[in-house]
Amino acid sequence: MRLTHAHGELEIDRCLVMGIVNRTPDSFYDGGRMGLQESVDFAARLVDEGADLVDLGAVKAGPGPEVPPEEEAERLMPLLEAVAARVSAPVSVETADPKLAHRAIEAGAAIVNDVRGLTDEGLAEVCAGTGAALVLMHSGGQIRGRPRHPRYSDVVDDVLREWDAMVARAVSAGMKREQLIVDPGLDFGKTTYHSLEIVRRLDELLAFGLPLMLAPSRKDVVGETLDLPLDERLEGTLAIVALAVAAGAHIVRVHDVKAAARTVAMTEAIAGRRKPARPLRGLWD
């Protein structure tokens, strides 16, 4: 499978790891803990640890106060410019603001990660005009607030229907399907039961035919399932990563890149999709 982005093409012949770098003071896990230079160094370290893509965020996707566009830009642009100049991996920006997305792409971003489900079709028009790839996430109607009693007759069917609608809007705005990535949006507008069902039924979502990104990193689906705080959710996250890779997911978006990259490699080797890096046992003279 091939993905077209603002700076070329990306062959997705294995599961790619997207590393998360947040400049969001109220981010649920890692935001506000690092200054600008520390964040740039952190992004470079993620690439060294195995990140194929780097995703930069400047506004918390979950509950919190609205952030003015100028403040989002002040947080994002210096980080993006420095990271794009430092790393060779394609850089993604998490934003729903078409104007900021256009600035970011001009400054080196290759992908736009839209967690608001294309509520502003101007975002697709920007990606169409610049050639940037676009992540379309099923939000379940949750934008900034927490979900209250979300109900679905079938959560997977709802994800597929919303993906269909978003892809249609993106294509009508001039985008090609080769520029699109889909994300079922674990936790967004969903209970933990809904998110667990999505992971169980990834085969149905993969049949949609576009690159599928899963973002399980330290989310409530892990914390509530295991009754664990944020700083103890690594193993649960890696369990979802392994299941996603085994099912055939194309991208996993994580905070803990080194551990996730090793989990991806081991799972793909077991599935026969990757050769062992140093297979010597029993082969010596």
C-alpha atoms as a PDB file:
ATOM      1  CA  MET A   1       0.000   0.000   0.000  1.00  0.00           C
ATOM      2  CA  ARG A   2       1.312   3.441  -0.908  1.00  0.00           C
ATOM      3  CA  LEU A   3       0.565   6.778   0.778  1.00  0.00           C
ATOM      4  CA  THR A   4       1.048  10.080  -1.039  1.00  0.00           C
ATOM      5  CA  HIS A   5       1.976  13.034   1.155  1.00  0.00           C
ATOM      6  CA  ALA A   6       3.173  16.624   0.714  1.00  0.00           C
ATOM      7  CA  HIS A   7       6.803  15.646   0.176  1.00  0.00           C
ATOM      8  CA  GLY A   8       6.564  12.400  -1.766  1.00  0.00           C
ATOM      9  CA  GLU A   9       5.285   8.886  -1.260  1.00  0.00           C
ATOM     10  CA  LEU A  10       5.528   6.412   1.585  1.00  0.00           C
ATOM     11  CA  GLU A  11       5.476   2.686   0.956  1.00  0.00           C
ATOM     12  CA  ILE A  12       3.533   0.971   3.734  1.00  0.00           C
ATOM     13  CA  ASP A  13       4.816  -2.588   3.442  1.00  0.00           C
ATOM     14  CA  ARG A  14       4.884  -3.100   7.231  1.00  0.00           C
ATOM     15  CA  CYS A  15       3.281  -1.469  10.250  1.00  0.00           C
ATOM     16  CA  LEU A  16       4.725   2.011  10.736  1.00  0.00           C
ATOM     17  CA  VAL A  17       5.252   3.599  14.141  1.00  0.00           C
ATOM     18  CA  MET A  18       4.151   7.212  14.621  1.00  0.00           C
ATOM     19  CA  GLY A  19       5.766   8.908  17.613  1.00  0.00           C
ATOM     20  CA  ILE A  20       3.874  11.583  19.544  1.00  0.00           C
ATOM     21  CA  VAL A  21       5.374  14.943  20.532  1.00  0.00           C
ATOM     22  CA  ASN A  22       3.004  17.312  22.326  1.00  0.00           C
ATOM     23  CA  ARG A  23       3.444  21.028  22.960  1.00  0.00           C
ATOM     24  CA  THR A  24       0.109  21.056  24.731  1.00  0.00           C
ATOM     25  CA  PRO A  25       0.338  22.213  28.357  1.00  0.00           C
ATOM     26  CA  ASP A  26      -2.803  20.289  29.366  1.00  0.00           C
ATOM     27  CA  SER A  27      -2.133  17.129  27.341  1.00  0.00           C
ATOM     28  CA  PHE A  28      -3.443  14.088  29.187  1.00  0.00           C
ATOM     29  CA  TYR A  29      -0.021  12.427  29.384  1.00  0.00           C
ATOM     30  CA  ASP A  30       3.127  14.180  28.161  1.00  0.00           C
ATOM     31  CA  GLY A  31       2.262  17.805  27.505  1.00  0.00           C
ATOM     32  CA  GLY A  32       3.960  20.788  29.057  1.00  0.00           C
ATOM     33  CA  ARG A  33       6.838  18.793  30.482  1.00  0.00           C
ATOM     34  CA  MET A  34       9.447  19.926  27.974  1.00  0.00           C
ATOM     35  CA  GLY A  35      10.653  23.237  26.607  1.00  0.00           C
ATOM     36  CA  LEU A  36      10.967  23.861  22.892  1.00  0.00           C
ATOM     37  CA  GLN A  37      14.528  22.585  22.473  1.00  0.00           C
ATOM     38  CA  GLU A  38      13.803  19.576  24.671  1.00  0.00           C
ATOM     39  CA  SER A  39      10.791  18.775  22.498  1.00  0.00           C
ATOM     40  CA  VAL A  40      12.888  18.986  19.327  1.00  0.00           C
ATOM     41  CA  ASP A  41      15.527  16.719  20.862  1.00  0.00           C
ATOM     42  CA  PHE A  42      12.781  14.357  22.001  1.00  0.00           C
ATOM     43  CA  ALA A  43      11.377  14.147  18.457  1.00  0.00           C
ATOM     44  CA  ALA A  44      14.834  13.310  17.112  1.00  0.00           C
ATOM     45  CA  ARG A  45      15.232  10.642  19.787  1.00  0.00           C
ATOM     46  CA  LEU A  46      11.920   9.070  18.813  1.00  0.00           C
ATOM     47  CA  VAL A  47      13.177   8.703  15.235  1.00  0.00           C
ATOM     48  CA  ASP A  48      16.390   7.128  16.537  1.00  0.00           C
ATOM     49  CA  GLU A  49      14.256   4.719  18.576  1.00  0.00           C
ATOM     50  CA  GLY A  50      12.309   3.582  15.532  1.00  0.00           C
ATOM     51  CA  ALA A  51       9.618   6.152  14.727  1.00  0.00           C
ATOM     52  CA  ASP A  52       8.778   6.135  11.019  1.00  0.00           C
ATOM     53  CA  LEU A  53       6.603   9.244  11.439  1.00  0.00           C
ATOM     54  CA  VAL A  54       6.446  12.037  14.010  1.00  0.00           C
ATOM     55  CA  ASP A  55       3.138  13.628  15.014  1.00  0.00           C
ATOM     56  CA  LEU A  56       3.232  17.109  16.553  1.00  0.00           C
ATOM     57  CA  GLY A  57       0.319  18.444  18.573  1.00  0.00           C
ATOM     58  CA  ALA A  58      -0.422  21.866  20.056  1.00  0.00           C
ATOM     59  CA  VAL A  59      -4.038  21.527  21.211  1.00  0.00           C
ATOM     60  CA  LYS A  60      -5.360  18.813  23.486  1.00  0.00           C
ATOM     61  CA  ALA A  61      -7.776  16.588  21.604  1.00  0.00           C
ATOM     62  CA  GLY A  62      -9.704  15.686  24.752  1.00  0.00           C
ATOM     63  CA  PRO A  63     -11.604  17.844  27.252  1.00  0.00           C
ATOM     64  CA  GLY A  64     -10.280  21.298  27.958  1.00  0.00           C
ATOM     65  CA  PRO A  65     -10.746  24.979  27.172  1.00  0.00           C
ATOM     66  CA  GLU A  66     -10.747  26.170  23.602  1.00  0.00           C
ATOM     67  CA  VAL A  67      -7.366  27.363  22.344  1.00  0.00           C
ATOM     68  CA  PRO A  68      -7.355  30.453  20.076  1.00  0.00           C
ATOM     69  CA  PRO A  69      -5.861  29.831  16.610  1.00  0.00           C
ATOM     70  CA  GLU A  70      -3.014  32.264  17.224  1.00  0.00           C
ATOM     71  CA  GLU A  71      -2.032  30.441  20.424  1.00  0.00           C
ATOM     72  CA  GLU A  72      -2.120  27.077  18.667  1.00  0.00           C
ATOM     73  CA  ALA A  73       0.151  28.501  15.966  1.00  0.00           C
ATOM     74  CA  GLU A  74       2.555  29.968  18.557  1.00  0.00           C
ATOM     75  CA  ARG A  75       2.902  26.527  20.133  1.00  0.00           C
ATOM     76  CA  LEU A  76       3.120  24.519  16.938  1.00  0.00           C
ATOM     77  CA  MET A  77       5.085  26.446  14.337  1.00  0.00           C
ATOM     78  CA  PRO A  78       8.466  26.847  16.111  1.00  0.00           C
ATOM     79  CA  LEU A  79       8.415  23.149  17.004  1.00  0.00           C
ATOM     80  CA  LEU A  80       7.451  22.098  13.499  1.00  0.00           C
ATOM     81  CA  GLU A  81      10.084  24.226  11.801  1.00  0.00           C
ATOM     82  CA  ALA A  82      12.824  22.880  14.057  1.00  0.00           C
ATOM     83  CA  VAL A  83      11.725  19.239  13.857  1.00  0.00           C
ATOM     84  CA  ALA A  84      11.248  19.296  10.073  1.00  0.00           C
ATOM     85  CA  ALA A  85      14.786  20.646   9.718  1.00  0.00           C
ATOM     86  CA  ARG A  86      16.183  18.028  12.107  1.00  0.00           C
ATOM     87  CA  VAL A  87      14.580  14.681  11.196  1.00  0.00           C
ATOM     88  CA  SER A  88      14.233  12.806   7.937  1.00  0.00           C
ATOM     89  CA  ALA A  89      10.972  11.084   8.901  1.00  0.00           C
ATOM     90  CA  PRO A  90       7.733  12.600   7.546  1.00  0.00           C
ATOM     91  CA  VAL A  91       6.171  14.991  10.053  1.00  0.00           C
ATOM     92  CA  SER A  92       2.460  15.056  10.851  1.00  0.00           C
ATOM     93  CA  VAL A  93       0.636  17.933  12.539  1.00  0.00           C
ATOM     94  CA  GLU A  94      -2.492  17.402  14.589  1.00  0.00           C
ATOM     95  CA  THR A  95      -4.793  20.304  13.781  1.00  0.00           C
ATOM     96  CA  ALA A  96      -8.262  21.008  12.452  1.00  0.00           C
ATOM     97  CA  ASP A  97      -7.479  24.598  11.432  1.00  0.00           C
ATOM     98  CA  PRO A  98      -7.136  24.913   7.631  1.00  0.00           C
ATOM     99  CA  LYS A  99      -5.071  28.122   7.806  1.00  0.00           C
ATOM    100  CA  LEU A 100      -2.627  26.654  10.304  1.00  0.00           C
ATOM    101  CA  ALA A 101      -2.483  23.411   8.339  1.00  0.00           C
ATOM    102  CA  HIS A 102      -1.490  25.350   5.215  1.00  0.00           C
ATOM    103  CA  ARG A 103       1.252  27.198   7.121  1.00  0.00           C
ATOM    104  CA  ALA A 104       2.475  23.943   8.603  1.00  0.00           C
ATOM    105  CA  ILE A 105       2.663  22.183   5.257  1.00  0.00           C
ATOM    106  CA  GLU A 106       4.603  25.095   3.776  1.00  0.00           C
ATOM    107  CA  ALA A 107       6.994  24.807   6.752  1.00  0.00           C
ATOM    108  CA  GLY A 108       7.639  21.101   6.210  1.00  0.00           C
ATOM    109  CA  ALA A 109       4.674  19.056   7.436  1.00  0.00           C
ATOM    110  CA  ALA A 110       3.749  16.104   5.225  1.00  0.00           C
ATOM    111  CA  ILE A 111       0.560  14.905   6.920  1.00  0.00           C
ATOM    112  CA  VAL A 112      -2.378  16.543   8.700  1.00  0.00           C
ATOM    113  CA  ASN A 113      -3.946  14.557  11.541  1.00  0.00           C
ATOM    114  CA  ASP A 114      -7.562  15.678  11.949  1.00  0.00           C
ATOM    115  CA  VAL A 115      -9.155  14.347  15.140  1.00  0.00           C
ATOM    116  CA  ARG A 116     -12.318  16.407  14.571  1.00  0.00           C
ATOM    117  CA  GLY A 117     -13.585  14.267  11.727  1.00  0.00           C
ATOM    118  CA  LEU A 118     -13.383  16.846   8.941  1.00  0.00           C
ATOM    119  CA  THR A 119     -15.801  19.257  10.579  1.00  0.00           C
ATOM    120  CA  ASP A 120     -14.165  21.930   8.412  1.00  0.00           C
ATOM    121  CA  GLU A 121     -13.929  20.778   4.809  1.00  0.00           C
ATOM    122  CA  GLY A 122     -11.458  23.582   4.188  1.00  0.00           C
ATOM    123  CA  LEU A 123      -8.903  21.215   5.692  1.00  0.00           C
ATOM    124  CA  ALA A 124      -9.426  18.759   2.825  1.00  0.00           C
ATOM    125  CA  GLU A 125      -9.160  21.606   0.325  1.00  0.00           C
ATOM    126  CA  VAL A 126      -5.794  22.595   1.820  1.00  0.00           C
ATOM    127  CA  CYS A 127      -4.543  19.009   1.589  1.00  0.00           C
ATOM    128  CA  ALA A 128      -5.807  18.723  -1.966  1.00  0.00           C
ATOM    129  CA  GLY A 129      -3.951  21.866  -2.971  1.00  0.00           C
ATOM    130  CA  THR A 130      -0.686  21.008  -1.233  1.00  0.00           C
ATOM    131  CA  GLY A 131      -0.619  17.235  -1.714  1.00  0.00           C
ATOM    132  CA  ALA A 132      -0.536  16.574   2.031  1.00  0.00           C
ATOM    133  CA  ALA A 133      -1.898  13.334   3.413  1.00  0.00           C
ATOM    134  CA  LEU A 134      -4.868  13.554   5.775  1.00  0.00           C
ATOM    135  CA  VAL A 135      -5.844  11.363   8.729  1.00  0.00           C
ATOM    136  CA  LEU A 136      -9.617  11.088   9.104  1.00  0.00           C
ATOM    137  CA  MET A 137     -10.658  10.024  12.609  1.00  0.00           C
ATOM    138  CA  HIS A 138     -14.046   8.812  13.782  1.00  0.00           C
ATOM    139  CA  SER A 139     -14.710  11.115  16.738  1.00  0.00           C
ATOM    140  CA  GLY A 140     -18.139   9.811  17.689  1.00  0.00           C
ATOM    141  CA  GLY A 141     -19.215  13.416  18.003  1.00  0.00           C
ATOM    142  CA  GLN A 142     -16.691  14.086  20.777  1.00  0.00           C
ATOM    143  CA  ILE A 143     -14.825  17.323  20.216  1.00  0.00           C
ATOM    144  CA  ARG A 144     -12.985  18.540  23.326  1.00  0.00           C
ATOM    145  CA  GLY A 145     -15.702  17.329  25.741  1.00  0.00           C
ATOM    146  CA  ARG A 146     -16.030  13.922  27.375  1.00  0.00           C
ATOM    147  CA  PRO A 147     -18.552  11.473  25.910  1.00  0.00           C
ATOM    148  CA  ARG A 148     -21.775  11.081  27.905  1.00  0.00           C
ATOM    149  CA  HIS A 149     -23.472   7.728  27.486  1.00  0.00           C
ATOM    150  CA  PRO A 150     -22.467   7.144  23.847  1.00  0.00           C
ATOM    151  CA  ARG A 151     -24.652   4.529  22.203  1.00  0.00           C
ATOM    152  CA  TYR A 152     -24.286   2.656  18.928  1.00  0.00           C
ATOM    153  CA  SER A 153     -26.384  -0.132  17.490  1.00  0.00           C
ATOM    154  CA  ASP A 154     -23.023  -1.353  16.121  1.00  0.00           C
ATOM    155  CA  VAL A 155     -19.934   0.761  16.782  1.00  0.00           C
ATOM    156  CA  VAL A 156     -17.914  -0.765  13.930  1.00  0.00           C
ATOM    157  CA  ASP A 157     -20.706  -0.134  11.433  1.00  0.00           C
ATOM    158  CA  ASP A 158     -20.892   3.478  12.652  1.00  0.00           C
ATOM    159  CA  VAL A 159     -17.137   3.912  12.163  1.00  0.00           C
ATOM    160  CA  LEU A 160     -17.349   2.525   8.635  1.00  0.00           C
ATOM    161  CA  ARG A 161     -20.308   4.751   7.717  1.00  0.00           C
ATOM    162  CA  GLU A 162     -18.560   7.858   9.047  1.00  0.00           C
ATOM    163  CA  TRP A 163     -15.350   6.948   7.223  1.00  0.00           C
ATOM    164  CA  ASP A 164     -17.369   6.630   4.000  1.00  0.00           C
ATOM    165  CA  ALA A 165     -18.873  10.074   4.530  1.00  0.00           C
ATOM    166  CA  MET A 166     -15.551  11.727   5.392  1.00  0.00           C
ATOM    167  CA  VAL A 167     -13.748  10.137   2.452  1.00  0.00           C
ATOM    168  CA  ALA A 168     -16.521  11.308   0.125  1.00  0.00           C
ATOM    169  CA  ARG A 169     -16.163  14.875   1.418  1.00  0.00           C
ATOM    170  CA  ALA A 170     -12.380  14.752   1.069  1.00  0.00           C
ATOM    171  CA  VAL A 171     -12.551  13.422  -2.490  1.00  0.00           C
ATOM    172  CA  SER A 172     -15.171  16.029  -3.448  1.00  0.00           C
ATOM    173  CA  ALA A 173     -12.729  18.660  -2.164  1.00  0.00           C
ATOM    174  CA  GLY A 174     -10.140  17.401  -4.644  1.00  0.00           C
ATOM    175  CA  MET A 175      -8.179  14.866  -2.616  1.00  0.00           C
ATOM    176  CA  LYS A 176      -7.112  11.459  -3.916  1.00  0.00           C
ATOM    177  CA  ARG A 177      -7.750   8.305  -1.920  1.00  0.00           C
ATOM    178  CA  GLU A 178      -3.988   7.725  -1.957  1.00  0.00           C
ATOM    179  CA  GLN A 179      -3.661  10.747   0.373  1.00  0.00           C
ATOM    180  CA  LEU A 180      -6.045   9.419   3.027  1.00  0.00           C
ATOM    181  CA  ILE A 181      -5.533   7.513   6.274  1.00  0.00           C
ATOM    182  CA  VAL A 182      -8.398   6.403   8.529  1.00  0.00           C
ATOM    183  CA  ASP A 183      -8.482   6.101  12.330  1.00  0.00           C
ATOM    184  CA  PRO A 184     -11.349   4.515  14.330  1.00  0.00           C
ATOM    185  CA  GLY A 185     -10.713   6.896  17.230  1.00  0.00           C
ATOM    186  CA  LEU A 186     -10.304   4.710  20.302  1.00  0.00           C
ATOM    187  CA  ASP A 187     -11.952   6.382  23.350  1.00  0.00           C
ATOM    188  CA  PHE A 188     -13.364   9.259  21.291  1.00  0.00           C
ATOM    189  CA  GLY A 189     -17.136   9.295  21.711  1.00  0.00           C
ATOM    190  CA  LYS A 190     -16.851   5.716  22.924  1.00  0.00           C
ATOM    191  CA  THR A 191     -16.955   3.718  26.111  1.00  0.00           C
ATOM    192  CA  THR A 192     -14.183   1.292  26.964  1.00  0.00           C
ATOM    193  CA  TYR A 193     -16.468  -1.516  25.776  1.00  0.00           C
ATOM    194  CA  HIS A 194     -16.767   0.206  22.378  1.00  0.00           C
ATOM    195  CA  SER A 195     -12.993   0.623  22.069  1.00  0.00           C
ATOM    196  CA  LEU A 196     -12.352  -3.006  23.001  1.00  0.00           C
ATOM    197  CA  GLU A 197     -14.867  -4.108  20.369  1.00  0.00           C
ATOM    198  CA  ILE A 198     -13.085  -2.010  17.740  1.00  0.00           C
ATOM    199  CA  VAL A 199      -9.784  -3.735  18.539  1.00  0.00           C
ATOM    200  CA  ARG A 200     -11.480  -7.161  18.371  1.00  0.00           C
ATOM    201  CA  ARG A 201     -12.996  -6.362  14.968  1.00  0.00           C
ATOM    202  CA  LEU A 202     -10.077  -4.661  13.242  1.00  0.00           C
ATOM    203  CA  ASP A 203     -10.358  -7.121  10.365  1.00  0.00           C
ATOM    204  CA  GLU A 204     -13.687  -5.540   9.392  1.00  0.00           C
ATOM    205  CA  LEU A 205     -12.206  -2.047   9.548  1.00  0.00           C
ATOM    206  CA  LEU A 206      -9.137  -3.061   7.544  1.00  0.00           C
ATOM    207  CA  ALA A 207     -11.443  -4.253   4.762  1.00  0.00           C
ATOM    208  CA  PHE A 208     -12.261  -0.571   4.165  1.00  0.00           C
ATOM    209  CA  GLY A 209      -9.161  -0.499   1.978  1.00  0.00           C
ATOM    210  CA  LEU A 210      -7.325   2.611   3.190  1.00  0.00           C
ATOM    211  CA  PRO A 211      -4.294   2.726   5.497  1.00  0.00           C
ATOM    212  CA  LEU A 212      -5.575   2.266   9.033  1.00  0.00           C
ATOM    213  CA  MET A 213      -3.973   4.040  11.973  1.00  0.00           C
ATOM    214  CA  LEU A 214      -4.670   2.967  15.541  1.00  0.00           C
ATOM    215  CA  ALA A 215      -3.814   5.233  18.480  1.00  0.00           C
ATOM    216  CA  PRO A 216      -4.079   3.246  21.737  1.00  0.00           C
ATOM    217  CA  SER A 217      -1.272   4.921  23.658  1.00  0.00           C
ATOM    218  CA  ARG A 218      -2.001   5.006  27.428  1.00  0.00           C
ATOM    219  CA  LYS A 219      -5.676   5.729  26.749  1.00  0.00           C
ATOM    220  CA  ASP A 220      -8.612   5.073  29.055  1.00  0.00           C
ATOM    221  CA  VAL A 221      -9.408   1.845  27.216  1.00  0.00           C
ATOM    222  CA  VAL A 222      -6.164   0.579  28.770  1.00  0.00           C
ATOM    223  CA  GLY A 223      -6.510   2.354  32.109  1.00  0.00           C
ATOM    224  CA  GLU A 224     -10.118   1.314  32.700  1.00  0.00           C
ATOM    225  CA  THR A 225      -9.589  -2.252  31.515  1.00  0.00           C
ATOM    226  CA  LEU A 226      -6.640  -2.793  33.856  1.00  0.00           C
ATOM    227  CA  ASP A 227      -7.577  -0.193  36.509  1.00  0.00           C
ATOM    228  CA  LEU A 228      -4.232   1.562  36.129  1.00  0.00           C
ATOM    229  CA  PRO A 229      -3.050   5.197  36.145  1.00  0.00           C
ATOM    230  CA  LEU A 230      -1.428   6.836  33.138  1.00  0.00           C
ATOM    231  CA  ASP A 231       2.137   6.012  34.081  1.00  0.00           C
ATOM    232  CA  GLU A 232       1.374   2.277  34.363  1.00  0.00           C
ATOM    233  CA  ARG A 233      -0.397   1.717  31.038  1.00  0.00           C
ATOM    234  CA  LEU A 234       2.552   0.719  28.855  1.00  0.00           C
ATOM    235  CA  GLU A 235       1.964  -3.052  28.865  1.00  0.00           C
ATOM    236  CA  GLY A 236      -1.716  -2.656  28.035  1.00  0.00           C
ATOM    237  CA  THR A 237      -0.842  -0.281  25.228  1.00  0.00           C
ATOM    238  CA  LEU A 238       1.659  -2.768  23.799  1.00  0.00           C
ATOM    239  CA  ALA A 239      -0.937  -5.554  23.943  1.00  0.00           C
ATOM    240  CA  ILE A 240      -3.197  -3.496  21.679  1.00  0.00           C
ATOM    241  CA  VAL A 241      -0.225  -2.661  19.435  1.00  0.00           C
ATOM    242  CA  ALA A 242       0.587  -6.361  19.043  1.00  0.00           C
ATOM    243  CA  LEU A 243      -3.030  -7.258  18.242  1.00  0.00           C
ATOM    244  CA  ALA A 244      -3.275  -4.378  15.772  1.00  0.00           C
ATOM    245  CA  VAL A 245      -0.103  -5.463  13.980  1.00  0.00           C
ATOM    246  CA  ALA A 246      -1.250  -9.082  13.884  1.00  0.00           C
ATOM    247  CA  ALA A 247      -4.545  -7.946  12.318  1.00  0.00           C
ATOM    248  CA  GLY A 248      -2.689  -5.930   9.665  1.00  0.00           C
ATOM    249  CA  ALA A 249      -2.928  -2.325  10.871  1.00  0.00           C
ATOM    250  CA  HIS A 250      -0.728   0.056   8.889  1.00  0.00           C
ATOM    251  CA  ILE A 251       0.253   2.653  11.531  1.00  0.00           C
ATOM    252  CA  VAL A 252       0.302   2.700  15.335  1.00  0.00           C
ATOM    253  CA  ARG A 253       0.504   6.085  17.055  1.00  0.00           C
ATOM    254  CA  VAL A 254       2.295   5.915  20.408  1.00  0.00           C
ATOM    255  CA  HIS A 255       4.207   7.828  23.055  1.00  0.00           C
ATOM    256  CA  ASP A 256       6.593   4.969  23.877  1.00  0.00           C
ATOM    257  CA  VAL A 257       8.297   4.463  20.535  1.00  0.00           C
ATOM    258  CA  LYS A 258      11.163   2.152  21.480  1.00  0.00           C
ATOM    259  CA  ALA A 259       8.883  -0.380  23.173  1.00  0.00           C
ATOM    260  CA  ALA A 260       6.258  -0.150  20.440  1.00  0.00           C
ATOM    261  CA  ALA A 261       8.794  -0.529  17.608  1.00  0.00           C
ATOM    262  CA  ARG A 262      10.136  -3.699  19.228  1.00  0.00           C
ATOM    263  CA  THR A 263       6.620  -5.023  19.716  1.00  0.00           C
ATOM    264  CA  VAL A 264       5.817  -4.325  16.062  1.00  0.00           C
ATOM    265  CA  ALA A 265       8.997  -6.057  14.864  1.00  0.00           C
ATOM    266  CA  MET A 266       8.436  -9.144  17.016  1.00  0.00           C
ATOM    267  CA  THR A 267       4.780  -9.462  16.029  1.00  0.00           C
ATOM    268  CA  GLU A 268       5.591  -9.116  12.335  1.00  0.00           C
ATOM    269  CA  ALA A 269       8.373 -11.712  12.616  1.00  0.00           C
ATOM    270  CA  ILE A 270       5.942 -14.178  14.218  1.00  0.00           C
ATOM    271  CA  ALA A 271       3.448 -13.470  11.434  1.00  0.00           C
ATOM    272  CA  GLY A 272       6.151 -14.118   8.826  1.00  0.00           C
ATOM    273  CA  ARG A 273       6.099 -10.571   7.505  1.00  0.00           C
ATOM    274  CA  ARG A 274       9.580  -9.645   8.744  1.00  0.00           C
ATOM    275  CA  LYS A 275      12.856 -11.558   8.963  1.00  0.00           C
ATOM    276  CA  PRO A 276      14.657 -11.886  12.311  1.00  0.00           C
ATOM    277  CA  ALA A 277      17.408  -9.274  12.585  1.00  0.00           C
ATOM    278  CA  ARG A 278      20.144 -11.694  13.691  1.00  0.00           C
ATOM    279  CA  PRO A 279      19.108 -15.366  13.382  1.00  0.00           C
ATOM    280  CA  LEU A 280      22.124 -17.363  14.569  1.00  0.00           C
ATOM    281  CA  ARG A 281      20.755 -19.950  16.986  1.00  0.00           C
ATOM    282  CA  GLY A 282      21.458 -23.472  15.777  1.00  0.00           C
ATOM    283  CA  LEU A 283      23.040 -22.200  12.560  1.00  0.00           C
ATOM    284  CA  TRP A 284      26.689 -22.159  13.616  1.00  0.00           C
ATOM    285  CA  ASP A 285      29.218 -24.779  12.473  1.00  0.00           C
END
